[in-house]
Amino acid sequence: MDLLGITALYILLYLPILWICIYPVYWLNKKTKSKVNPFLMSIELRFLGNSLSSIVRNVIGAIYIIFFGLLYCVVFFYTLMVTGNFIFSWFGI
């Protein structure tokens, strides 16, 4: 099989496996997103003041975004690596 056939096989196997692996992350993100915003708005740190309370809310929101961003990246690259090793082992590449 030439390189074009291997690439087509790789893509045809990679996309369903990626969807299967990334859907739980997507579902978790979708379920928690609607709960995070009200939680962040309910945080009232009166002893810090308004500006520091706002900064703390933004930092917690940024941690949430970074966590799911890294989770998506890890699932994407790990699926890419596992699928590549599986396909390349078939053809001795």
PDB file of N, CA and C in Angstrom:
ATOM      1  N   MET A   1       0.856  -1.177   0.000  1.00  0.00           N
ATOM      2  CA  MET A   1       0.000   0.000   0.000  1.00  0.00           C
ATOM      3  C   MET A   1       0.899   1.237   0.000  1.00  0.00           C
ATOM      4  N   ASP A   2       0.556   2.188  -0.828  1.00  0.00           N
ATOM      5  CA  ASP A   2       1.355   3.393  -0.914  1.00  0.00           C
ATOM      6  C   ASP A   2       1.002   4.372   0.218  1.00  0.00           C
ATOM      7  N   LEU A   3       1.717   5.465   0.268  1.00  0.00           N
ATOM      8  CA  LEU A   3       1.563   6.432   1.348  1.00  0.00           C
ATOM      9  C   LEU A   3       0.172   7.058   1.360  1.00  0.00           C
ATOM     10  N   LEU A   4      -0.420   7.274   0.208  1.00  0.00           N
ATOM     11  CA  LEU A   4      -1.766   7.846   0.140  1.00  0.00           C
ATOM     12  C   LEU A   4      -2.798   6.892   0.749  1.00  0.00           C
ATOM     13  N   GLY A   5      -2.666   5.608   0.484  1.00  0.00           N
ATOM     14  CA  GLY A   5      -3.575   4.621   1.054  1.00  0.00           C
ATOM     15  C   GLY A   5      -3.423   4.517   2.559  1.00  0.00           C
ATOM     16  N   ILE A   6      -2.179   4.559   3.039  1.00  0.00           N
ATOM     17  CA  ILE A   6      -1.939   4.511   4.481  1.00  0.00           C
ATOM     18  C   ILE A   6      -2.517   5.751   5.153  1.00  0.00           C
ATOM     19  N   THR A   7      -2.361   6.906   4.512  1.00  0.00           N
ATOM     20  CA  THR A   7      -2.915   8.148   5.063  1.00  0.00           C
ATOM     21  C   THR A   7      -4.432   8.093   5.110  1.00  0.00           C
ATOM     22  N   ALA A   8      -5.053   7.587   4.057  1.00  0.00           N
ATOM     23  CA  ALA A   8      -6.513   7.467   4.037  1.00  0.00           C
ATOM     24  C   ALA A   8      -6.990   6.499   5.113  1.00  0.00           C
ATOM     25  N   LEU A   9      -6.296   5.397   5.273  1.00  0.00           N
ATOM     26  CA  LEU A   9      -6.646   4.446   6.327  1.00  0.00           C
ATOM     27  C   LEU A   9      -6.479   5.066   7.706  1.00  0.00           C
ATOM     28  N   TYR A  10      -5.408   5.811   7.863  1.00  0.00           N
ATOM     29  CA  TYR A  10      -5.141   6.489   9.131  1.00  0.00           C
ATOM     30  C   TYR A  10      -6.265   7.462   9.472  1.00  0.00           C
ATOM     31  N   ILE A  11      -6.681   8.247   8.498  1.00  0.00           N
ATOM     32  CA  ILE A  11      -7.747   9.226   8.728  1.00  0.00           C
ATOM     33  C   ILE A  11      -9.070   8.524   9.005  1.00  0.00           C
ATOM     34  N   LEU A  12      -9.370   7.471   8.233  1.00  0.00           N
ATOM     35  CA  LEU A  12     -10.637   6.765   8.422  1.00  0.00           C
ATOM     36  C   LEU A  12     -10.716   6.049   9.764  1.00  0.00           C
ATOM     37  N   LEU A  13      -9.599   5.622  10.301  1.00  0.00           N
ATOM     38  CA  LEU A  13      -9.605   5.013  11.630  1.00  0.00           C
ATOM     39  C   LEU A  13      -9.491   6.054  12.734  1.00  0.00           C
ATOM     40  N   TYR A  14      -8.743   7.112  12.455  1.00  0.00           N
ATOM     41  CA  TYR A  14      -8.480   8.115  13.491  1.00  0.00           C
ATOM     42  C   TYR A  14      -9.732   8.904  13.870  1.00  0.00           C
ATOM     43  N   LEU A  15     -10.508   9.311  12.895  1.00  0.00           N
ATOM     44  CA  LEU A  15     -11.658  10.162  13.186  1.00  0.00           C
ATOM     45  C   LEU A  15     -12.701   9.483  14.081  1.00  0.00           C
ATOM     46  N   PRO A  16     -13.102   8.232  13.819  1.00  0.00           N
ATOM     47  CA  PRO A  16     -14.053   7.607  14.749  1.00  0.00           C
ATOM     48  C   PRO A  16     -13.459   7.369  16.142  1.00  0.00           C
ATOM     49  N   ILE A  17     -12.190   6.974  16.194  1.00  0.00           N
ATOM     50  CA  ILE A  17     -11.561   6.751  17.499  1.00  0.00           C
ATOM     51  C   ILE A  17     -11.448   8.065  18.252  1.00  0.00           C
ATOM     52  N   LEU A  18     -11.099   9.146  17.556  1.00  0.00           N
ATOM     53  CA  LEU A  18     -11.032  10.461  18.199  1.00  0.00           C
ATOM     54  C   LEU A  18     -12.399  10.865  18.729  1.00  0.00           C
ATOM     55  N   TRP A  19     -13.440  10.647  17.949  1.00  0.00           N
ATOM     56  CA  TRP A  19     -14.785  11.017  18.404  1.00  0.00           C
ATOM     57  C   TRP A  19     -15.179  10.219  19.638  1.00  0.00           C
ATOM     58  N   ILE A  20     -14.874   8.928  19.641  1.00  0.00           N
ATOM     59  CA  ILE A  20     -15.209   8.078  20.788  1.00  0.00           C
ATOM     60  C   ILE A  20     -14.457   8.539  22.040  1.00  0.00           C
ATOM     61  N   CYS A  21     -13.216   8.937  21.876  1.00  0.00           N
ATOM     62  CA  CYS A  21     -12.411   9.346  23.028  1.00  0.00           C
ATOM     63  C   CYS A  21     -12.726  10.764  23.492  1.00  0.00           C
ATOM     64  N   ILE A  22     -13.100  11.650  22.587  1.00  0.00           N
ATOM     65  CA  ILE A  22     -13.294  13.047  22.961  1.00  0.00           C
ATOM     66  C   ILE A  22     -14.721  13.340  23.417  1.00  0.00           C
ATOM     67  N   TYR A  23     -15.662  12.475  23.072  1.00  0.00           N
ATOM     68  CA  TYR A  23     -17.045  12.745  23.455  1.00  0.00           C
ATOM     69  C   TYR A  23     -17.251  12.815  24.971  1.00  0.00           C
ATOM     70  N   PRO A  24     -16.638  11.949  25.783  1.00  0.00           N
ATOM     71  CA  PRO A  24     -16.815  12.115  27.239  1.00  0.00           C
ATOM     72  C   PRO A  24     -16.287  13.450  27.766  1.00  0.00           C
ATOM     73  N   VAL A  25     -15.190  13.938  27.192  1.00  0.00           N
ATOM     74  CA  VAL A  25     -14.661  15.242  27.609  1.00  0.00           C
ATOM     75  C   VAL A  25     -15.639  16.341  27.209  1.00  0.00           C
ATOM     76  N   TYR A  26     -16.181  16.253  26.001  1.00  0.00           N
ATOM     77  CA  TYR A  26     -17.156  17.226  25.540  1.00  0.00           C
ATOM     78  C   TYR A  26     -18.399  17.213  26.429  1.00  0.00           C
ATOM     79  N   TRP A  27     -18.878  16.017  26.762  1.00  0.00           N
ATOM     80  CA  TRP A  27     -20.068  15.886  27.602  1.00  0.00           C
ATOM     81  C   TRP A  27     -19.826  16.486  28.985  1.00  0.00           C
ATOM     82  N   LEU A  28     -18.667  16.200  29.571  1.00  0.00           N
ATOM     83  CA  LEU A  28     -18.335  16.750  30.879  1.00  0.00           C
ATOM     84  C   LEU A  28     -18.223  18.266  30.827  1.00  0.00           C
ATOM     85  N   ASN A  29     -17.623  18.786  29.784  1.00  0.00           N
ATOM     86  CA  ASN A  29     -17.504  20.237  29.621  1.00  0.00           C
ATOM     87  C   ASN A  29     -18.882  20.871  29.481  1.00  0.00           C
ATOM     88  N   LYS A  30     -19.750  20.237  28.697  1.00  0.00           N
ATOM     89  CA  LYS A  30     -21.095  20.769  28.482  1.00  0.00           C
ATOM     90  C   LYS A  30     -21.908  20.771  29.778  1.00  0.00           C
ATOM     91  N   LYS A  31     -21.774  19.717  30.579  1.00  0.00           N
ATOM     92  CA  LYS A  31     -22.525  19.613  31.824  1.00  0.00           C
ATOM     93  C   LYS A  31     -22.007  20.582  32.888  1.00  0.00           C
ATOM     94  N   THR A  32     -20.716  20.807  32.940  1.00  0.00           N
ATOM     95  CA  THR A  32     -20.166  21.658  34.000  1.00  0.00           C
ATOM     96  C   THR A  32     -20.189  23.143  33.642  1.00  0.00           C
ATOM     97  N   LYS A  33     -20.234  23.468  32.344  1.00  0.00           N
ATOM     98  CA  LYS A  33     -20.188  24.875  31.942  1.00  0.00           C
ATOM     99  C   LYS A  33     -21.375  25.654  32.496  1.00  0.00           C
ATOM    100  N   SER A  34     -22.543  25.044  32.516  1.00  0.00           N
ATOM    101  CA  SER A  34     -23.736  25.745  32.995  1.00  0.00           C
ATOM    102  C   SER A  34     -23.731  25.900  34.517  1.00  0.00           C
ATOM    103  N   LYS A  35     -22.896  25.149  35.202  1.00  0.00           N
ATOM    104  CA  LYS A  35     -22.817  25.259  36.657  1.00  0.00           C
ATOM    105  C   LYS A  35     -21.666  26.148  37.115  1.00  0.00           C
ATOM    106  N   VAL A  36     -20.646  26.299  36.293  1.00  0.00           N
ATOM    107  CA  VAL A  36     -19.466  27.079  36.685  1.00  0.00           C
ATOM    108  C   VAL A  36     -19.769  28.568  36.722  1.00  0.00           C
ATOM    109  N   ASN A  37     -20.472  29.082  35.736  1.00  0.00           N
ATOM    110  CA  ASN A  37     -20.739  30.523  35.698  1.00  0.00           C
ATOM    111  C   ASN A  37     -21.563  30.991  36.899  1.00  0.00           C
ATOM    112  N   PRO A  38     -22.666  30.334  37.251  1.00  0.00           N
ATOM    113  CA  PRO A  38     -23.372  30.771  38.467  1.00  0.00           C
ATOM    114  C   PRO A  38     -22.517  30.633  39.729  1.00  0.00           C
ATOM    115  N   PHE A  39     -21.676  29.608  39.779  1.00  0.00           N
ATOM    116  CA  PHE A  39     -20.792  29.451  40.932  1.00  0.00           C
ATOM    117  C   PHE A  39     -19.806  30.605  41.015  1.00  0.00           C
ATOM    118  N   LEU A  40     -19.220  30.972  39.874  1.00  0.00           N
ATOM    119  CA  LEU A  40     -18.255  32.073  39.883  1.00  0.00           C
ATOM    120  C   LEU A  40     -18.920  33.396  40.265  1.00  0.00           C
ATOM    121  N   MET A  41     -20.150  33.596  39.808  1.00  0.00           N
ATOM    122  CA  MET A  41     -20.844  34.835  40.145  1.00  0.00           C
ATOM    123  C   MET A  41     -21.297  34.862  41.606  1.00  0.00           C
ATOM    124  N   SER A  42     -21.449  33.697  42.221  1.00  0.00           N
ATOM    125  CA  SER A  42     -21.898  33.662  43.613  1.00  0.00           C
ATOM    126  C   SER A  42     -20.755  33.828  44.607  1.00  0.00           C
ATOM    127  N   ILE A  43     -19.533  33.757  44.128  1.00  0.00           N
ATOM    128  CA  ILE A  43     -18.393  33.926  45.036  1.00  0.00           C
ATOM    129  C   ILE A  43     -18.338  35.386  45.479  1.00  0.00           C
ATOM    130  N   GLU A  44     -18.458  35.575  46.757  1.00  0.00           N
ATOM    131  CA  GLU A  44     -18.342  36.926  47.315  1.00  0.00           C
ATOM    132  C   GLU A  44     -17.279  36.894  48.394  1.00  0.00           C
ATOM    133  N   LEU A  45     -16.137  37.402  48.069  1.00  0.00           N
ATOM    134  CA  LEU A  45     -15.035  37.465  49.011  1.00  0.00           C
ATOM    135  C   LEU A  45     -14.952  38.895  49.539  1.00  0.00           C
ATOM    136  N   ARG A  46     -15.801  39.219  50.480  1.00  0.00           N
ATOM    137  CA  ARG A  46     -15.899  40.592  50.977  1.00  0.00           C
ATOM    138  C   ARG A  46     -14.623  41.063  51.644  1.00  0.00           C
ATOM    139  N   PHE A  47     -13.899  40.131  52.271  1.00  0.00           N
ATOM    140  CA  PHE A  47     -12.678  40.537  52.969  1.00  0.00           C
ATOM    141  C   PHE A  47     -11.566  40.939  52.001  1.00  0.00           C
ATOM    142  N   LEU A  48     -11.689  40.567  50.722  1.00  0.00           N
ATOM    143  CA  LEU A  48     -10.694  40.955  49.725  1.00  0.00           C
ATOM    144  C   LEU A  48     -11.052  42.244  48.997  1.00  0.00           C
ATOM    145  N   GLY A  49     -12.309  42.603  48.994  1.00  0.00           N
ATOM    146  CA  GLY A  49     -12.745  43.781  48.246  1.00  0.00           C
ATOM    147  C   GLY A  49     -13.252  43.390  46.871  1.00  0.00           C
ATOM    148  N   ASN A  50     -13.842  44.358  46.189  1.00  0.00           N
ATOM    149  CA  ASN A  50     -14.453  44.090  44.874  1.00  0.00           C
ATOM    150  C   ASN A  50     -13.434  43.729  43.810  1.00  0.00           C
ATOM    151  N   SER A  51     -12.342  44.470  43.730  1.00  0.00           N
ATOM    152  CA  SER A  51     -11.390  44.237  42.642  1.00  0.00           C
ATOM    153  C   SER A  51     -10.663  42.905  42.809  1.00  0.00           C
ATOM    154  N   LEU A  52     -10.244  42.573  44.016  1.00  0.00           N
ATOM    155  CA  LEU A  52      -9.570  41.293  44.226  1.00  0.00           C
ATOM    156  C   LEU A  52     -10.538  40.125  44.086  1.00  0.00           C
ATOM    157  N   SER A  53     -11.778  40.323  44.494  1.00  0.00           N
ATOM    158  CA  SER A  53     -12.784  39.283  44.319  1.00  0.00           C
ATOM    159  C   SER A  53     -13.005  39.002  42.832  1.00  0.00           C
ATOM    160  N   SER A  54     -13.009  40.038  42.027  1.00  0.00           N
ATOM    161  CA  SER A  54     -13.145  39.891  40.580  1.00  0.00           C
ATOM    162  C   SER A  54     -11.941  39.163  39.991  1.00  0.00           C
ATOM    163  N   ILE A  55     -10.761  39.480  40.487  1.00  0.00           N
ATOM    164  CA  ILE A  55      -9.549  38.812  39.996  1.00  0.00           C
ATOM    165  C   ILE A  55      -9.577  37.333  40.356  1.00  0.00           C
ATOM    166  N   VAL A  56     -10.015  37.007  41.571  1.00  0.00           N
ATOM    167  CA  VAL A  56     -10.105  35.602  41.987  1.00  0.00           C
ATOM    168  C   VAL A  56     -11.101  34.854  41.109  1.00  0.00           C
ATOM    169  N   ARG A  57     -12.240  35.469  40.797  1.00  0.00           N
ATOM    170  CA  ARG A  57     -13.217  34.840  39.901  1.00  0.00           C
ATOM    171  C   ARG A  57     -12.619  34.581  38.530  1.00  0.00           C
ATOM    172  N   ASN A  58     -11.875  35.551  38.013  1.00  0.00           N
ATOM    173  CA  ASN A  58     -11.255  35.388  36.694  1.00  0.00           C
ATOM    174  C   ASN A  58     -10.193  34.296  36.703  1.00  0.00           C
ATOM    175  N   VAL A  59      -9.440  34.205  37.777  1.00  0.00           N
ATOM    176  CA  VAL A  59      -8.408  33.169  37.871  1.00  0.00           C
ATOM    177  C   VAL A  59      -9.053  31.784  37.926  1.00  0.00           C
ATOM    178  N   ILE A  60     -10.120  31.643  38.698  1.00  0.00           N
ATOM    179  CA  ILE A  60     -10.806  30.350  38.772  1.00  0.00           C
ATOM    180  C   ILE A  60     -11.412  29.989  37.413  1.00  0.00           C
ATOM    181  N   GLY A  61     -11.995  30.963  36.714  1.00  0.00           N
ATOM    182  CA  GLY A  61     -12.525  30.720  35.367  1.00  0.00           C
ATOM    183  C   GLY A  61     -11.424  30.344  34.391  1.00  0.00           C
ATOM    184  N   ALA A  62     -10.275  30.992  34.514  1.00  0.00           N
ATOM    185  CA  ALA A  62      -9.146  30.663  33.634  1.00  0.00           C
ATOM    186  C   ALA A  62      -8.633  29.253  33.911  1.00  0.00           C
ATOM    187  N   ILE A  63      -8.606  28.857  35.173  1.00  0.00           N
ATOM    188  CA  ILE A  63      -8.185  27.490  35.510  1.00  0.00           C
ATOM    189  C   ILE A  63      -9.142  26.482  34.887  1.00  0.00           C
ATOM    190  N   TYR A  64     -10.439  26.775  34.922  1.00  0.00           N
ATOM    191  CA  TYR A  64     -11.437  25.899  34.296  1.00  0.00           C
ATOM    192  C   TYR A  64     -11.177  25.769  32.790  1.00  0.00           C
ATOM    193  N   ILE A  65     -10.952  26.884  32.134  1.00  0.00           N
ATOM    194  CA  ILE A  65     -10.718  26.879  30.684  1.00  0.00           C
ATOM    195  C   ILE A  65      -9.418  26.149  30.348  1.00  0.00           C
ATOM    196  N   ILE A  66      -8.365  26.415  31.109  1.00  0.00           N
ATOM    197  CA  ILE A  66      -7.077  25.759  30.858  1.00  0.00           C
ATOM    198  C   ILE A  66      -7.186  24.252  31.100  1.00  0.00           C
ATOM    199  N   PHE A  67      -7.916  23.852  32.141  1.00  0.00           N
ATOM    200  CA  PHE A  67      -8.076  22.426  32.432  1.00  0.00           C
ATOM    201  C   PHE A  67      -8.726  21.695  31.261  1.00  0.00           C
ATOM    202  N   PHE A  68      -9.837  22.236  30.767  1.00  0.00           N
ATOM    203  CA  PHE A  68     -10.502  21.548  29.662  1.00  0.00           C
ATOM    204  C   PHE A  68      -9.713  21.676  28.369  1.00  0.00           C
ATOM    205  N   GLY A  69      -9.020  22.769  28.165  1.00  0.00           N
ATOM    206  CA  GLY A  69      -8.162  22.891  26.986  1.00  0.00           C
ATOM    207  C   GLY A  69      -7.059  21.856  26.983  1.00  0.00           C
ATOM    208  N   LEU A  70      -6.412  21.681  28.131  1.00  0.00           N
ATOM    209  CA  LEU A  70      -5.364  20.666  28.222  1.00  0.00           C
ATOM    210  C   LEU A  70      -5.937  19.257  28.087  1.00  0.00           C
ATOM    211  N   LEU A  71      -7.121  19.047  28.646  1.00  0.00           N
ATOM    212  CA  LEU A  71      -7.748  17.735  28.530  1.00  0.00           C
ATOM    213  C   LEU A  71      -8.063  17.401  27.069  1.00  0.00           C
ATOM    214  N   TYR A  72      -8.578  18.374  26.324  1.00  0.00           N
ATOM    215  CA  TYR A  72      -8.829  18.157  24.896  1.00  0.00           C
ATOM    216  C   TYR A  72      -7.525  17.872  24.150  1.00  0.00           C
ATOM    217  N   CYS A  73      -6.477  18.613  24.464  1.00  0.00           N
ATOM    218  CA  CYS A  73      -5.189  18.404  23.787  1.00  0.00           C
ATOM    219  C   CYS A  73      -4.606  17.034  24.096  1.00  0.00           C
ATOM    220  N   VAL A  74      -4.669  16.620  25.359  1.00  0.00           N
ATOM    221  CA  VAL A  74      -4.137  15.312  25.739  1.00  0.00           C
ATOM    222  C   VAL A  74      -4.896  14.204  25.017  1.00  0.00           C
ATOM    223  N   VAL A  75      -6.214  14.299  24.989  1.00  0.00           N
ATOM    224  CA  VAL A  75      -7.006  13.260  24.304  1.00  0.00           C
ATOM    225  C   VAL A  75      -6.703  13.265  22.808  1.00  0.00           C
ATOM    226  N   PHE A  76      -6.593  14.447  22.212  1.00  0.00           N
ATOM    227  CA  PHE A  76      -6.305  14.553  20.779  1.00  0.00           C
ATOM    228  C   PHE A  76      -4.969  13.912  20.437  1.00  0.00           C
ATOM    229  N   PHE A  77      -3.904  14.302  21.144  1.00  0.00           N
ATOM    230  CA  PHE A  77      -2.573  13.807  20.797  1.00  0.00           C
ATOM    231  C   PHE A  77      -2.381  12.340  21.195  1.00  0.00           C
ATOM    232  N   TYR A  78      -2.980  11.921  22.297  1.00  0.00           N
ATOM    233  CA  TYR A  78      -2.859  10.523  22.682  1.00  0.00           C
ATOM    234  C   TYR A  78      -3.580   9.625  21.672  1.00  0.00           C
ATOM    235  N   THR A  79      -4.753  10.046  21.218  1.00  0.00           N
ATOM    236  CA  THR A  79      -5.469   9.282  20.196  1.00  0.00           C
ATOM    237  C   THR A  79      -4.664   9.245  18.898  1.00  0.00           C
ATOM    238  N   LEU A  80      -4.059  10.364  18.547  1.00  0.00           N
ATOM    239  CA  LEU A  80      -3.212  10.431  17.352  1.00  0.00           C
ATOM    240  C   LEU A  80      -2.036   9.456  17.471  1.00  0.00           C
ATOM    241  N   MET A  81      -1.424   9.423  18.636  1.00  0.00           N
ATOM    242  CA  MET A  81      -0.267   8.562  18.852  1.00  0.00           C
ATOM    243  C   MET A  81      -0.654   7.081  18.839  1.00  0.00           C
ATOM    244  N   VAL A  82      -1.725   6.742  19.536  1.00  0.00           N
ATOM    245  CA  VAL A  82      -2.144   5.335  19.602  1.00  0.00           C
ATOM    246  C   VAL A  82      -2.594   4.840  18.228  1.00  0.00           C
ATOM    247  N   THR A  83      -3.368   5.643  17.529  1.00  0.00           N
ATOM    248  CA  THR A  83      -3.825   5.238  16.193  1.00  0.00           C
ATOM    249  C   THR A  83      -2.640   5.115  15.241  1.00  0.00           C
ATOM    250  N   GLY A  84      -1.702   6.050  15.325  1.00  0.00           N
ATOM    251  CA  GLY A  84      -0.518   5.980  14.465  1.00  0.00           C
ATOM    252  C   GLY A  84       0.311   4.742  14.729  1.00  0.00           C
ATOM    253  N   ASN A  85       0.531   4.428  15.993  1.00  0.00           N
ATOM    254  CA  ASN A  85       1.305   3.222  16.313  1.00  0.00           C
ATOM    255  C   ASN A  85       0.597   1.966  15.829  1.00  0.00           C
ATOM    256  N   PHE A  86      -0.713   1.943  15.954  1.00  0.00           N
ATOM    257  CA  PHE A  86      -1.499   0.786  15.514  1.00  0.00           C
ATOM    258  C   PHE A  86      -1.393   0.597  14.002  1.00  0.00           C
ATOM    259  N   ILE A  87      -1.571   1.676  13.249  1.00  0.00           N
ATOM    260  CA  ILE A  87      -1.536   1.585  11.780  1.00  0.00           C
ATOM    261  C   ILE A  87      -0.108   1.322  11.292  1.00  0.00           C
ATOM    262  N   PHE A  88       0.857   2.024  11.875  1.00  0.00           N
ATOM    263  CA  PHE A  88       2.232   1.850  11.406  1.00  0.00           C
ATOM    264  C   PHE A  88       2.774   0.454  11.717  1.00  0.00           C
ATOM    265  N   SER A  89       2.272  -0.174  12.780  1.00  0.00           N
ATOM    266  CA  SER A  89       2.714  -1.533  13.087  1.00  0.00           C
ATOM    267  C   SER A  89       2.183  -2.533  12.047  1.00  0.00           C
ATOM    268  N   TRP A  90       1.033  -2.219  11.444  1.00  0.00           N
ATOM    269  CA  TRP A  90       0.492  -3.086  10.381  1.00  0.00           C
ATOM    270  C   TRP A  90       1.428  -3.158   9.196  1.00  0.00           C
ATOM    271  N   PHE A  91       2.018  -1.994   8.854  1.00  0.00           N
ATOM    272  CA  PHE A  91       2.818  -1.904   7.640  1.00  0.00           C
ATOM    273  C   PHE A  91       4.311  -1.903   7.914  1.00  0.00           C
ATOM    274  N   GLY A  92       4.708  -2.100   9.142  1.00  0.00           N
ATOM    275  CA  GLY A  92       6.130  -2.161   9.481  1.00  0.00           C
ATOM    276  C   GLY A  92       6.865  -0.860   9.237  1.00  0.00           C
ATOM    277  N   ILE A  93       6.199   0.238   9.497  1.00  0.00           N
ATOM    278  CA  ILE A  93       6.816   1.551   9.274  1.00  0.00           C
ATOM    279  C   ILE A  93       7.484   1.992  10.551  1.00  0.00           C
TER     280      ILE A  93
END
